[in-house]
C-alpha atoms as a PDB file:
ATOM      1  CA  UNK A   1     -62.702  22.621-243.326  1.00  0.00           C
ATOM      2  CA  UNK A   2     -60.649  19.804-244.284  1.00  0.00           C
ATOM      3  CA  UNK A   3     -62.239  16.158-243.679  1.00  0.00           C
ATOM      4  CA  UNK A   4     -59.173  14.397-242.441  1.00  0.00           C
ATOM      5  CA  UNK A   5     -55.162  15.549-241.563  1.00  0.00           C
ATOM      6  CA  UNK A   6     -52.576  13.047-241.911  1.00  0.00           C
ATOM      7  CA  UNK A   7     -49.414  14.410-239.518  1.00  0.00           C
ATOM      8  CA  UNK A   8     -45.790  13.071-240.217  1.00  0.00           C
ATOM      9  CA  UNK A   9     -47.849   9.323-240.033  1.00  0.00           C
ATOM     10  CA  UNK A  10     -46.606   5.779-239.939  1.00  0.00           C
ATOM     11  CA  UNK A  11     -48.337   2.444-240.023  1.00  0.00           C
ATOM     12  CA  UNK A  12     -47.921  -0.703-239.863  1.00  0.00           C
ATOM     13  CA  UNK A  13     -48.043  -4.061-238.101  1.00  0.00           C
ATOM     14  CA  UNK A  14     -46.111  -5.501-235.140  1.00  0.00           C
ATOM     15  CA  UNK A  15     -43.746  -2.415-235.401  1.00  0.00           C
ATOM     16  CA  UNK A  16     -43.253  -3.018-238.498  1.00  0.00           C
ATOM     17  CA  UNK A  17     -43.380   0.210-241.146  1.00  0.00           C
ATOM     18  CA  UNK A  18     -45.650  -0.270-244.395  1.00  0.00           C
ATOM     19  CA  UNK A  19     -46.297   3.558-244.579  1.00  0.00           C
ATOM     20  CA  UNK A  20     -44.019   5.913-243.540  1.00  0.00           C
ATOM     21  CA  UNK A  21     -44.221   9.570-242.466  1.00  0.00           C
ATOM     22  CA  UNK A  22     -47.432  10.238-244.416  1.00  0.00           C
ATOM     23  CA  UNK A  23     -48.188  13.909-244.419  1.00  0.00           C
ATOM     24  CA  UNK A  24     -51.378  15.556-246.157  1.00  0.00           C
ATOM     25  CA  UNK A  25     -55.060  16.678-246.166  1.00  0.00           C
ATOM     26  CA  UNK A  26     -58.045  14.940-247.749  1.00  0.00           C
ATOM     27  CA  UNK A  27     -60.528  17.860-248.332  1.00  0.00           C
ATOM     28  CA  UNK A  28     -64.039  17.903-247.370  1.00  0.00           C
ATOM     29  CA  UNK A  29     -65.477  16.287-250.522  1.00  0.00           C
ATOM     30  CA  UNK A  30     -62.874  15.298-252.115  1.00  0.00           C
ATOM     31  CA  UNK A  31     -62.618  12.036-254.313  1.00  0.00           C
ATOM     32  CA  UNK A  32     -58.917  10.951-253.841  1.00  0.00           C
ATOM     33  CA  UNK A  33     -57.555   7.979-255.515  1.00  0.00           C
ATOM     34  CA  UNK A  34     -54.601   6.069-253.560  1.00  0.00           C
ATOM     35  CA  UNK A  35     -52.487   4.493-255.969  1.00  0.00           C
ATOM     36  CA  UNK A  36     -49.020   2.502-256.088  1.00  0.00           C
ATOM     37  CA  UNK A  37     -47.691  -0.761-256.953  1.00  0.00           C
ATOM     38  CA  UNK A  38     -48.366  -3.766-254.810  1.00  0.00           C
ATOM     39  CA  UNK A  39     -46.673  -3.889-251.513  1.00  0.00           C
ATOM     40  CA  UNK A  40     -47.184   0.097-251.183  1.00  0.00           C
ATOM     41  CA  UNK A  41     -48.928   0.210-248.405  1.00  0.00           C
ATOM     42  CA  UNK A  42     -51.945   1.171-249.720  1.00  0.00           C
ATOM     43  CA  UNK A  43     -54.582  -1.044-248.208  1.00  0.00           C
ATOM     44  CA  UNK A  44     -52.459  -0.474-244.962  1.00  0.00           C
ATOM     45  CA  UNK A  45     -53.245   3.644-245.067  1.00  0.00           C
ATOM     46  CA  UNK A  46     -56.951   2.864-245.492  1.00  0.00           C
ATOM     47  CA  UNK A  47     -57.277   0.642-242.465  1.00  0.00           C
ATOM     48  CA  UNK A  48     -55.301   3.145-240.560  1.00  0.00           C
ATOM     49  CA  UNK A  49     -58.277   6.482-241.942  1.00  0.00           C
ATOM     50  CA  UNK A  50     -60.751   3.339-240.597  1.00  0.00           C
ATOM     51  CA  UNK A  51     -59.148   3.324-237.216  1.00  0.00           C
ATOM     52  CA  UNK A  52     -58.636  -0.812-237.971  1.00  0.00           C
ATOM     53  CA  UNK A  53     -55.055  -0.340-236.998  1.00  0.00           C
ATOM     54  CA  UNK A  54     -52.693   2.952-234.951  1.00  0.00           C
ATOM     55  CA  UNK A  55     -50.253   4.702-236.178  1.00  0.00           C
ATOM     56  CA  UNK A  56     -47.186   3.412-234.807  1.00  0.00           C
ATOM     57  CA  UNK A  57     -46.222   7.119-235.326  1.00  0.00           C
ATOM     58  CA  UNK A  58     -47.906  10.468-235.973  1.00  0.00           C
ATOM     59  CA  UNK A  59     -51.636  11.268-236.261  1.00  0.00           C
ATOM     60  CA  UNK A  60     -54.717  10.890-238.233  1.00  0.00           C
ATOM     61  CA  UNK A  61     -57.425  13.729-237.307  1.00  0.00           C
ATOM     62  CA  UNK A  62     -60.880  13.994-239.189  1.00  0.00           C
ATOM     63  CA  UNK A  63     -62.331  16.644-238.660  1.00  0.00           C
ATOM     64  CA  UNK A  64     -65.887  15.278-238.008  1.00  0.00           C
ATOM     65  CA  UNK A  65     -64.717  13.806-234.748  1.00  0.00           C
ATOM     66  CA  UNK A  66     -67.144  10.975-234.201  1.00  0.00           C
ATOM     67  CA  UNK A  67     -65.887   7.765-236.354  1.00  0.00           C
ATOM     68  CA  UNK A  68     -69.308   6.993-236.887  1.00  0.00           C
ATOM     69  CA  UNK A  69     -68.998   9.314-239.693  1.00  0.00           C
ATOM     70  CA  UNK A  70     -66.848   6.633-240.997  1.00  0.00           C
ATOM     71  CA  UNK A  71     -67.803   4.190-243.370  1.00  0.00           C
ATOM     72  CA  UNK A  72     -64.746   1.442-244.529  1.00  0.00           C
ATOM     73  CA  UNK A  73     -65.338  -1.529-247.799  1.00  0.00           C
ATOM     74  CA  UNK A  74     -62.377  -3.859-247.331  1.00  0.00           C
ATOM     75  CA  UNK A  75     -61.249  -5.721-250.269  1.00  0.00           C
ATOM     76  CA  UNK A  76     -64.023  -8.438-251.008  1.00  0.00           C
ATOM     77  CA  UNK A  77     -61.309 -11.195-250.613  1.00  0.00           C
ATOM     78  CA  UNK A  78     -61.471 -10.286-246.704  1.00  0.00           C
ATOM     79  CA  UNK A  79     -65.118 -11.091-246.408  1.00  0.00           C
ATOM     80  CA  UNK A  80     -66.310 -14.199-245.089  1.00  0.00           C
ATOM     81  CA  UNK A  81     -68.575 -16.161-247.734  1.00  0.00           C
ATOM     82  CA  UNK A  82     -69.461 -19.525-245.980  1.00  0.00           C
ATOM     83  CA  UNK A  83     -70.645 -17.476-243.061  1.00  0.00           C
ATOM     84  CA  UNK A  84     -74.657 -18.884-242.209  1.00  0.00           C
ATOM     85  CA  UNK A  85     -76.205 -14.567-242.819  1.00  0.00           C
ATOM     86  CA  UNK A  86     -78.563 -13.281-245.697  1.00  0.00           C
ATOM     87  CA  UNK A  87     -78.154 -10.282-247.792  1.00  0.00           C
ATOM     88  CA  UNK A  88     -80.739  -8.384-245.777  1.00  0.00           C
ATOM     89  CA  UNK A  89     -78.953  -9.556-242.678  1.00  0.00           C
ATOM     90  CA  UNK A  90     -75.297  -8.343-243.566  1.00  0.00           C
ATOM     91  CA  UNK A  91     -76.411  -5.005-245.275  1.00  0.00           C
ATOM     92  CA  UNK A  92     -78.413  -4.269-241.991  1.00  0.00           C
ATOM     93  CA  UNK A  93     -74.877  -4.795-240.025  1.00  0.00           C
ATOM     94  CA  UNK A  94     -74.525  -1.061-241.492  1.00  0.00           C
ATOM     95  CA  UNK A  95     -76.979  -0.001-239.248  1.00  0.00           C
ATOM     96  CA  UNK A  96     -75.584  -1.381-235.806  1.00  0.00           C
ATOM     97  CA  UNK A  97     -73.997   1.987-234.511  1.00  0.00           C
ATOM     98  CA  UNK A  98     -77.969   3.020-234.099  1.00  0.00           C
ATOM     99  CA  UNK A  99     -79.397  -0.132-233.159  1.00  0.00           C
ATOM    100  CA  UNK A 100     -76.536  -1.638-231.182  1.00  0.00           C
ATOM    101  CA  UNK A 101     -75.347  -5.198-231.701  1.00  0.00           C
ATOM    102  CA  UNK A 102     -78.274  -7.015-230.623  1.00  0.00           C
ATOM    103  CA  UNK A 103     -81.151  -4.666-231.342  1.00  0.00           C
ATOM    104  CA  UNK A 104     -83.906  -5.551-233.651  1.00  0.00           C
ATOM    105  CA  UNK A 105     -84.564  -3.345-236.787  1.00  0.00           C
ATOM    106  CA  UNK A 106     -87.544  -0.856-236.714  1.00  0.00           C
ATOM    107  CA  UNK A 107     -89.454  -0.397-239.793  1.00  0.00           C
ATOM    108  CA  UNK A 108     -87.667   2.530-240.671  1.00  0.00           C
ATOM    109  CA  UNK A 109     -84.607   0.761-240.463  1.00  0.00           C
ATOM    110  CA  UNK A 110     -86.124  -1.707-242.785  1.00  0.00           C
ATOM    111  CA  UNK A 111     -86.977   0.933-245.602  1.00  0.00           C
ATOM    112  CA  UNK A 112     -83.408   1.846-245.564  1.00  0.00           C
ATOM    113  CA  UNK A 113     -82.244  -1.666-246.179  1.00  0.00           C
ATOM    114  CA  UNK A 114     -84.644  -2.188-248.631  1.00  0.00           C
ATOM    115  CA  UNK A 115     -83.925   1.336-250.103  1.00  0.00           C
ATOM    116  CA  UNK A 116     -80.354   0.524-250.243  1.00  0.00           C
ATOM    117  CA  UNK A 117     -80.790  -2.716-252.260  1.00  0.00           C
ATOM    118  CA  UNK A 118     -82.812  -1.122-254.714  1.00  0.00           C
ATOM    119  CA  UNK A 119     -80.256   1.048-255.402  1.00  0.00           C
ATOM    120  CA  UNK A 120     -77.884  -1.368-255.851  1.00  0.00           C
ATOM    121  CA  UNK A 121     -79.766  -3.705-258.314  1.00  0.00           C
ATOM    122  CA  UNK A 122     -80.350  -6.412-255.156  1.00  0.00           C
ATOM    123  CA  UNK A 123     -84.370  -6.152-254.682  1.00  0.00           C
ATOM    124  CA  UNK A 124     -85.314  -9.504-254.652  1.00  0.00           C
ATOM    125  CA  UNK A 125     -82.361 -10.696-252.857  1.00  0.00           C
ATOM    126  CA  UNK A 126     -82.871  -9.964-248.940  1.00  0.00           C
ATOM    127  CA  UNK A 127     -83.501 -13.651-248.032  1.00  0.00           C
ATOM    128  CA  UNK A 128     -80.419 -15.203-250.401  1.00  0.00           C
ATOM    129  CA  UNK A 129     -77.001 -16.891-248.297  1.00  0.00           C
ATOM    130  CA  UNK A 130     -74.285 -14.597-249.423  1.00  0.00           C
ATOM    131  CA  UNK A 131     -72.630 -17.425-250.254  1.00  0.00           C
ATOM    132  CA  UNK A 132     -74.897 -17.890-253.143  1.00  0.00           C
ATOM    133  CA  UNK A 133     -73.803 -14.223-254.955  1.00  0.00           C
ATOM    134  CA  UNK A 134     -71.408 -13.848-257.777  1.00  0.00           C
ATOM    135  CA  UNK A 135     -68.598 -11.777-257.318  1.00  0.00           C
ATOM    136  CA  UNK A 136     -70.472  -8.658-258.488  1.00  0.00           C
ATOM    137  CA  UNK A 137     -73.828  -9.216-256.780  1.00  0.00           C
ATOM    138  CA  UNK A 138     -71.532  -9.532-253.382  1.00  0.00           C
ATOM    139  CA  UNK A 139     -69.655  -6.208-254.041  1.00  0.00           C
ATOM    140  CA  UNK A 140     -72.861  -4.546-255.105  1.00  0.00           C
ATOM    141  CA  UNK A 141     -74.402  -5.841-251.349  1.00  0.00           C
ATOM    142  CA  UNK A 142     -71.228  -4.347-249.584  1.00  0.00           C
ATOM    143  CA  UNK A 143     -71.965  -1.260-251.221  1.00  0.00           C
ATOM    144  CA  UNK A 144     -75.315  -1.382-249.881  1.00  0.00           C
ATOM    145  CA  UNK A 145     -74.577  -1.719-246.107  1.00  0.00           C
ATOM    146  CA  UNK A 146     -72.353   1.469-247.160  1.00  0.00           C
ATOM    147  CA  UNK A 147     -75.303   3.461-247.868  1.00  0.00           C
ATOM    148  CA  UNK A 148     -77.506   2.394-244.944  1.00  0.00           C
ATOM    149  CA  UNK A 149     -74.673   3.907-242.941  1.00  0.00           C
ATOM    150  CA  UNK A 150     -74.759   7.094-244.727  1.00  0.00           C
ATOM    151  CA  UNK A 151     -71.274   7.927-243.549  1.00  0.00           C
ATOM    152  CA  UNK A 152     -69.702  11.516-244.546  1.00  0.00           C
ATOM    153  CA  UNK A 153     -65.941  10.185-245.204  1.00  0.00           C
ATOM    154  CA  UNK A 154     -66.298   6.808-247.010  1.00  0.00           C
ATOM    155  CA  UNK A 155     -63.418   4.310-247.800  1.00  0.00           C
ATOM    156  CA  UNK A 156     -62.937   1.814-250.591  1.00  0.00           C
ATOM    157  CA  UNK A 157     -60.285  -0.547-250.887  1.00  0.00           C
ATOM    158  CA  UNK A 158     -60.368  -2.057-254.397  1.00  0.00           C
ATOM    159  CA  UNK A 159     -64.177  -1.179-255.026  1.00  0.00           C
ATOM    160  CA  UNK A 160     -64.086  -2.556-258.637  1.00  0.00           C
ATOM    161  CA  UNK A 161     -61.592  -5.482-258.450  1.00  0.00           C
ATOM    162  CA  UNK A 162     -63.112  -8.591-260.497  1.00  0.00           C
ATOM    163  CA  UNK A 163     -66.571  -7.654-260.774  1.00  0.00           C
ATOM    164  CA  UNK A 164     -68.663  -7.265-264.379  1.00  0.00           C
ATOM    165  CA  UNK A 165     -68.412  -4.128-266.319  1.00  0.00           C
ATOM    166  CA  UNK A 166     -71.921  -3.779-265.512  1.00  0.00           C
ATOM    167  CA  UNK A 167     -71.808  -3.975-261.867  1.00  0.00           C
ATOM    168  CA  UNK A 168     -68.652  -2.054-262.118  1.00  0.00           C
ATOM    169  CA  UNK A 169     -70.144   1.124-264.101  1.00  0.00           C
ATOM    170  CA  UNK A 170     -72.973   1.034-262.092  1.00  0.00           C
ATOM    171  CA  UNK A 171     -70.926   1.042-258.524  1.00  0.00           C
ATOM    172  CA  UNK A 172     -69.120   4.190-259.925  1.00  0.00           C
ATOM    173  CA  UNK A 173     -72.250   6.045-260.662  1.00  0.00           C
ATOM    174  CA  UNK A 174     -72.779   5.471-256.930  1.00  0.00           C
ATOM    175  CA  UNK A 175     -70.099   6.855-256.009  1.00  0.00           C
ATOM    176  CA  UNK A 176     -70.339   9.864-258.220  1.00  0.00           C
ATOM    177  CA  UNK A 177     -73.413  10.275-256.372  1.00  0.00           C
ATOM    178  CA  UNK A 178     -71.543  10.615-253.052  1.00  0.00           C
ATOM    179  CA  UNK A 179     -69.325  13.431-254.609  1.00  0.00           C
ATOM    180  CA  UNK A 180     -72.283  15.140-255.703  1.00  0.00           C
ATOM    181  CA  UNK A 181     -73.701  14.977-252.060  1.00  0.00           C
ATOM    182  CA  UNK A 182     -69.973  16.461-250.957  1.00  0.00           C
ATOM    183  CA  UNK A 183     -68.995  12.593-249.250  1.00  0.00           C
ATOM    184  CA  UNK A 184     -65.398  12.724-248.851  1.00  0.00           C
ATOM    185  CA  UNK A 185     -63.886   9.411-250.903  1.00  0.00           C
ATOM    186  CA  UNK A 186     -61.098   7.713-250.334  1.00  0.00           C
ATOM    187  CA  UNK A 187     -60.531   4.534-252.722  1.00  0.00           C
ATOM    188  CA  UNK A 188     -57.492   2.214-253.437  1.00  0.00           C
ATOM    189  CA  UNK A 189     -57.449   1.797-256.958  1.00  0.00           C
ATOM    190  CA  UNK A 190     -55.500  -0.182-260.103  1.00  0.00           C
ATOM    191  CA  UNK A 191     -57.058   0.600-263.154  1.00  0.00           C
ATOM    192  CA  UNK A 192     -55.593   4.129-263.886  1.00  0.00           C
ATOM    193  CA  UNK A 193     -58.148   4.875-266.501  1.00  0.00           C
ATOM    194  CA  UNK A 194     -61.022   4.497-263.928  1.00  0.00           C
ATOM    195  CA  UNK A 195     -58.706   6.775-261.770  1.00  0.00           C
ATOM    196  CA  UNK A 196     -58.127   9.191-264.511  1.00  0.00           C
ATOM    197  CA  UNK A 197     -61.757   9.732-265.470  1.00  0.00           C
ATOM    198  CA  UNK A 198     -63.093   9.666-261.601  1.00  0.00           C
ATOM    199  CA  UNK A 199     -60.721  11.040-259.575  1.00  0.00           C
ATOM    200  CA  UNK A 200     -60.014  14.032-259.427  1.00  0.00           C
ATOM    201  CA  UNK A 201     -57.038  13.676-256.999  1.00  0.00           C
ATOM    202  CA  UNK A 202     -54.848  11.011-256.445  1.00  0.00           C
ATOM    203  CA  UNK A 203     -51.856   9.929-253.920  1.00  0.00           C
ATOM    204  CA  UNK A 204     -49.134   7.908-255.414  1.00  0.00           C
ATOM    205  CA  UNK A 205     -47.979   5.812-252.557  1.00  0.00           C
ATOM    206  CA  UNK A 206     -44.988   3.586-252.196  1.00  0.00           C
ATOM    207  CA  UNK A 207     -44.861   3.148-248.641  1.00  0.00           C
ATOM    208  CA  UNK A 208     -44.025   6.835-248.642  1.00  0.00           C
ATOM    209  CA  UNK A 209     -45.957   9.685-250.376  1.00  0.00           C
ATOM    210  CA  UNK A 210     -44.333  10.117-254.106  1.00  0.00           C
ATOM    211  CA  UNK A 211     -46.568  12.596-255.548  1.00  0.00           C
ATOM    212  CA  UNK A 212     -50.278  13.544-253.882  1.00  0.00           C
ATOM    213  CA  UNK A 213     -52.458  16.246-255.728  1.00  0.00           C
ATOM    214  CA  UNK A 214     -54.212  16.726-259.274  1.00  0.00           C
ATOM    215  CA  UNK A 215     -54.488  13.383-260.841  1.00  0.00           C
ATOM    216  CA  UNK A 216     -52.534  14.629-264.169  1.00  0.00           C
ATOM    217  CA  UNK A 217     -50.085  15.860-262.491  1.00  0.00           C
ATOM    218  CA  UNK A 218     -49.540  13.247-260.208  1.00  0.00           C
ATOM    219  CA  UNK A 219     -49.560   9.948-262.671  1.00  0.00           C
ATOM    220  CA  UNK A 220     -46.749  10.709-265.152  1.00  0.00           C
ATOM    221  CA  UNK A 221     -44.657   8.588-266.251  1.00  0.00           C
ATOM    222  CA  UNK A 222     -41.769   9.672-263.803  1.00  0.00           C
ATOM    223  CA  UNK A 223     -43.628   9.146-260.947  1.00  0.00           C
ATOM    224  CA  UNK A 224     -45.262   6.092-261.798  1.00  0.00           C
ATOM    225  CA  UNK A 225     -41.390   4.911-261.951  1.00  0.00           C
ATOM    226  CA  UNK A 226     -40.270   6.145-259.085  1.00  0.00           C
ATOM    227  CA  UNK A 227     -42.815   4.399-257.300  1.00  0.00           C
ATOM    228  CA  UNK A 228     -42.180   1.039-258.633  1.00  0.00           C
ATOM    229  CA  UNK A 229     -38.413   1.711-258.040  1.00  0.00           C
ATOM    230  CA  UNK A 230     -39.051   2.881-254.411  1.00  0.00           C
ATOM    231  CA  UNK A 231     -41.182  -0.514-253.746  1.00  0.00           C
ATOM    232  CA  UNK A 232     -38.879  -2.640-255.108  1.00  0.00           C
ATOM    233  CA  UNK A 233     -36.042  -0.807-252.971  1.00  0.00           C
ATOM    234  CA  UNK A 234     -37.978  -1.814-249.962  1.00  0.00           C
ATOM    235  CA  UNK A 235     -38.613  -5.130-251.121  1.00  0.00           C
ATOM    236  CA  UNK A 236     -34.644  -5.720-251.834  1.00  0.00           C
ATOM    237  CA  UNK A 237     -34.227  -4.732-248.384  1.00  0.00           C
ATOM    238  CA  UNK A 238     -36.474  -6.888-246.902  1.00  0.00           C
ATOM    239  CA  UNK A 239     -35.028  -9.679-248.522  1.00  0.00           C
ATOM    240  CA  UNK A 240     -31.487  -8.694-247.515  1.00  0.00           C
ATOM    241  CA  UNK A 241     -33.012  -8.410-243.665  1.00  0.00           C
ATOM    242  CA  UNK A 242     -34.669 -11.702-244.311  1.00  0.00           C
ATOM    243  CA  UNK A 243     -31.273 -13.713-245.248  1.00  0.00           C
ATOM    244  CA  UNK A 244     -29.197 -11.846-242.847  1.00  0.00           C
ATOM    245  CA  UNK A 245     -31.646 -13.079-239.988  1.00  0.00           C
END
């Protein structure tokens, strides 16, 4: 049974499409990389899969009907590091669907948070304000929040950007562990070497699908050139529209 079915999907903002007429299936347990030029609609697609934005047309069908089964990691730049919250408090937010927004943490909940922090190498950071963390520590913390969610579908938006090599390797090992547990992982990535080494399936996006399938067949020079040209064509069209306005 497939994890996600995408049917003639168009996503965008204020009725302006960013992803056009996308069709495809993400099989349960897949490791899918979403790649493409800047402005290709990659982050928009993940927000659609997460339920953060609604389709302009078409549909996203998640086989496990309960969206509690979805965990979403936004880009680190979207995290307000000035918010006065500790590492433990932020990681515990991954439990809110079970505890409620204002519910207290049980002993088991605290144990789950402690286990997640240990798994990402942040034992001892529980009381640290999130604003004091380095970029790599921040990303480890966000992965710990994903761990406590215990989701079957995991969505990662640029999870390895602007972090040190050790953190990148540790978090990539965690992603591989999720794959071994038959969880479905969809990740927006820019590093093609990481994609080729760790993600058997890829979607090359340029507001529409250029290619979707085995990574070696998707990331060909011809497909990458087509994606760049397609994105540039959309950008040129946007400039023309702006000038006409």
